[in-house]
Protein backbone atom coordinates (compact mmCIF):
# COMPACT_ATOMS: atom_id res chain seq x y z
CA MET A 1 -18.84 2.41 -54.06
CA ARG A 2 -15.72 0.29 -53.69
CA ASN A 3 -13.88 3.12 -51.91
CA LYS A 4 -16.68 3.41 -49.33
CA VAL A 5 -16.45 -0.31 -48.55
CA GLN A 6 -12.65 -0.13 -48.28
CA ARG A 7 -12.89 2.87 -45.92
CA LYS A 8 -15.43 1.07 -43.74
CA ILE A 9 -13.16 -1.98 -43.56
CA ILE A 10 -10.14 0.18 -42.67
CA ILE A 11 -12.13 2.04 -39.98
CA ALA A 12 -13.40 -1.25 -38.54
CA MET A 13 -9.84 -2.65 -38.45
CA ILE A 14 -8.57 0.50 -36.70
CA ILE A 15 -11.36 0.26 -34.09
CA LEU A 16 -10.59 -3.43 -33.53
CA LEU A 17 -6.89 -2.67 -33.19
CA ILE A 18 -7.55 0.06 -30.62
CA ALA A 19 -9.90 -2.25 -28.69
CA LEU A 20 -7.27 -5.00 -28.72
CA ILE A 21 -4.60 -2.61 -27.42
CA ILE A 22 -6.92 -1.49 -24.60
CA VAL A 23 -7.70 -5.10 -23.62
CA ILE A 24 -4.01 -6.06 -23.62
CA PHE A 25 -3.17 -2.99 -21.52
CA GLN A 26 -5.88 -3.83 -18.97
CA LEU A 27 -4.80 -7.47 -18.75
CA ASN A 28 -1.18 -6.45 -18.14
CA LYS A 29 -2.32 -3.98 -15.52
CA LEU A 30 -4.29 -6.69 -13.69
CA LYS A 31 -1.44 -9.15 -13.98
CA GLY A 32 0.91 -6.74 -12.17
CA THR A 33 -1.41 -6.40 -9.17
CA ARG A 34 -0.73 -8.80 -6.33
CA THR A 35 -3.38 -10.13 -4.03
CA SER A 36 -2.90 -9.35 -0.34
CA LYS A 37 -1.79 -12.94 0.30
CA GLU A 38 0.73 -12.81 -2.56
CA ASN A 39 2.02 -9.48 -1.29
CA LEU A 40 2.47 -10.88 2.23
CA GLU A 41 4.49 -13.77 0.77
CA TYR A 42 6.62 -11.25 -1.16
CA ILE A 43 7.20 -9.10 1.94
CA ASN A 44 8.29 -12.14 3.96
CA SER A 45 10.64 -13.30 1.18
CA ASP A 46 14.25 -12.28 0.49
CA GLU A 47 13.26 -10.80 -2.87
CA LEU A 48 13.49 -7.01 -3.27
CA GLU A 49 12.05 -5.23 -6.29
CA ASP A 50 13.90 -2.36 -7.91
CA GLY A 51 12.63 1.03 -6.86
CA THR A 52 11.73 0.06 -3.29
CA VAL A 53 12.54 3.04 -1.08
CA SER A 54 13.11 2.74 2.66
CA PRO A 55 11.96 5.45 5.07
CA ASP A 56 14.66 7.75 6.44
CA MET A 57 15.90 6.76 9.90
CA ILE A 58 15.05 3.10 9.26
CA HIS A 59 18.55 2.22 10.45
CA VAL A 60 17.66 3.44 13.96
CA VAL A 61 14.57 1.21 13.99
CA ILE A 62 16.54 -1.78 12.70
CA ALA A 63 19.25 -1.22 15.33
CA LEU A 64 16.66 -1.52 18.12
CA TYR A 65 14.58 -4.27 16.55
CA GLU A 66 15.47 -7.78 17.73
CA GLY A 67 12.77 -9.83 15.99
CA GLU A 68 12.62 -12.23 13.06
CA LEU A 69 11.84 -9.66 10.34
CA ASN A 70 14.72 -8.83 8.05
CA PRO A 71 15.34 -5.19 7.07
CA LYS A 72 14.09 -5.88 3.53
CA ALA A 73 10.68 -6.90 4.91
CA ILE A 74 10.41 -3.63 6.83
CA SER A 75 11.31 -1.63 3.71
CA LYS A 76 8.95 -3.59 1.46
CA SER A 77 6.05 -3.34 3.87
CA THR A 78 6.38 0.41 4.43
CA TYR A 79 6.89 0.98 0.70
CA HIS A 80 3.74 -1.02 -0.10
CA PHE A 81 1.74 0.86 2.52
CA ILE A 82 2.93 4.29 1.35
CA ASN A 83 2.79 3.78 -2.41
CA HIS A 84 -0.09 1.34 -2.86
CA LEU A 85 -2.39 1.13 0.14
CA VAL A 86 -2.63 4.80 1.12
CA PRO A 87 -3.59 5.87 -2.44
CA GLU A 88 -6.05 2.96 -2.69
CA TYR A 89 -7.68 3.80 0.64
CA LEU A 90 -7.87 7.50 -0.25
CA LYS A 91 -9.58 6.66 -3.52
CA LYS A 92 -12.02 4.06 -2.14
CA CYS A 93 -12.90 5.34 1.36
CA LYS A 94 -14.43 8.78 0.86
CA ASN A 95 -16.52 8.94 4.05
CA GLU A 96 -17.20 6.95 7.20
CA GLU A 97 -20.14 4.97 5.79
CA ILE A 98 -18.15 3.91 2.72
CA THR A 99 -15.15 3.14 4.96
CA ARG A 100 -17.25 0.84 7.15
CA GLU A 101 -18.61 -0.97 4.07
CA TYR A 102 -15.11 -1.25 2.63
CA PHE A 103 -13.80 -2.69 5.90
CA GLN A 104 -16.61 -5.27 6.07
CA ARG A 105 -15.99 -6.38 2.47
CA ASN A 106 -12.18 -6.46 2.81
CA LYS A 107 -11.52 -7.48 6.45
CA GLU A 108 -9.23 -10.34 5.55
CA ASP A 109 -7.13 -8.30 3.10
CA ILE A 110 -6.86 -5.39 5.53
CA TYR A 111 -5.66 -7.75 8.26
CA LEU A 112 -3.13 -9.32 5.87
CA ASP A 113 -1.93 -5.92 4.59
CA ILE A 114 -1.81 -3.67 7.65
CA GLY A 115 -2.57 -5.87 10.68
CA ILE A 116 -5.83 -4.12 11.59
CA ASN A 117 -8.79 -6.32 12.48
CA LYS A 118 -11.00 -3.76 14.25
CA GLU A 119 -13.30 -1.48 12.30
CA GLU A 120 -12.73 1.53 14.57
CA GLU A 121 -8.93 1.27 14.14
CA PHE A 122 -9.39 1.20 10.38
CA ILE A 123 -11.68 4.25 10.49
CA SER A 124 -9.06 6.17 12.53
CA LEU A 125 -6.41 5.32 9.95
CA ILE A 126 -8.68 6.37 7.08
CA ASN A 127 -9.48 9.66 8.82
CA GLU A 128 -5.74 10.45 8.84
CA ILE A 129 -5.38 9.38 5.19
CA ASN A 130 -8.41 11.47 4.18
CA THR A 131 -6.54 14.63 5.15
CA LEU A 132 -4.67 14.06 1.86
CA SER A 133 -5.99 15.11 -1.52
CA GLY A 134 -5.30 14.88 -5.21
CA ASN A 135 -3.16 12.41 -7.08
CA LEU A 136 -0.68 11.25 -4.45
CA GLU A 137 2.91 11.63 -5.53
CA PHE A 138 5.26 10.26 -2.88
CA GLU A 139 7.85 12.75 -1.67
CA SER A 140 9.45 11.34 1.51
CA SER A 141 8.98 9.20 4.60
CA ARG A 142 10.83 8.90 7.87
CA PHE A 143 10.65 7.18 11.18
CA ASP A 144 10.71 9.54 14.15
CA LYS A 145 13.61 8.30 16.28
CA ASP A 146 12.23 10.18 19.30
CA THR A 147 9.06 8.04 19.28
CA LEU A 148 10.78 4.64 19.25
CA VAL A 149 9.66 2.34 22.03
CA VAL A 150 11.02 -1.17 22.53
CA LYS A 151 8.57 -3.61 24.12
CA ASN A 152 9.00 -7.30 24.82
CA ASN A 153 7.34 -8.46 21.58
CA ARG A 154 7.70 -5.45 19.26
CA VAL A 155 9.20 -2.07 18.42
CA GLU A 156 6.85 0.88 18.05
CA ALA A 157 7.56 4.05 16.09
CA VAL A 158 5.81 6.88 14.28
CA LEU A 159 6.19 7.00 10.51
CA TYR A 160 5.84 10.42 8.85
CA ILE A 161 4.78 10.37 5.21
CA LYS A 162 4.88 13.32 2.82
CA TYR A 163 3.15 13.49 -0.56
CA ARG A 164 3.62 16.42 -2.94
CA ASN A 165 1.14 19.27 -2.38
CA ASN A 166 -0.11 17.75 0.89
CA ASP A 167 0.67 18.15 4.56
CA GLU A 168 2.66 15.39 6.19
CA ILE A 169 0.62 12.58 7.75
CA ASN A 170 1.76 10.24 10.48
CA VAL A 171 0.90 6.68 11.39
CA ASN A 172 2.05 4.46 14.18
CA VAL A 173 3.96 1.35 13.19
CA ASN A 174 4.40 -1.79 15.27
CA LEU A 175 7.18 -4.15 14.18
CA TYR A 176 6.36 -7.47 15.81
CA ASN A 177 9.20 -9.82 16.72
CA LYS A 178 7.53 -12.81 15.08
CA VAL A 179 7.01 -13.29 11.34
CA TYR A 180 3.39 -14.25 10.70
CA SER A 181 2.10 -16.16 7.69
CA ASN A 182 -1.56 -15.12 8.13
CA ARG A 183 -1.04 -11.34 8.52
CA THR A 184 1.65 -8.74 8.26
CA SER A 185 4.23 -8.59 11.03
CA ILE A 186 4.09 -4.80 10.73
CA LYS A 187 0.92 -3.05 11.86
CA PHE A 188 0.05 0.42 10.55
CA TYR A 189 -2.51 2.34 12.61
CA VAL A 190 -3.51 5.67 14.12
CA PRO A 191 -4.28 5.56 17.85
């Protein structure tokens, strides 16, 4: 009888320990996620996290860009888009109806993150992203130097992004000359 009670107590303690580990893991996971506003502040700062990878040919873009953004901001913004936003959008925006609902619920964050404030622009971007499949493992990215256009308030370029076991996708990128506090200074879109 005593052994049964001891076993039940040990099993209950093991279950509680596992539950505690899961809760701690989930809290740490949530703690590491930045809000869109916090991420915009990070991108506009001089801070650069380890592991941030810049697209190939970024030096050509930076050479032509004459605005207020520093090169770190361009790297951080593209890195965030490629490694966080594209996988999130792929996971959450499965079809046009869901994409429209997602846009309506997250307009402010989308504007802060990628500079899009029109639903149709967001749908076009999601259509390009939805050509991807599986668990996205970043392989490479590059700016196409042949698509660079310098305008009076921005530089435009095409960014090619490759994930393992997927075809390359491309998005247009506008690097605005001014640093904004209420949205990204780098717009990602598909015309």
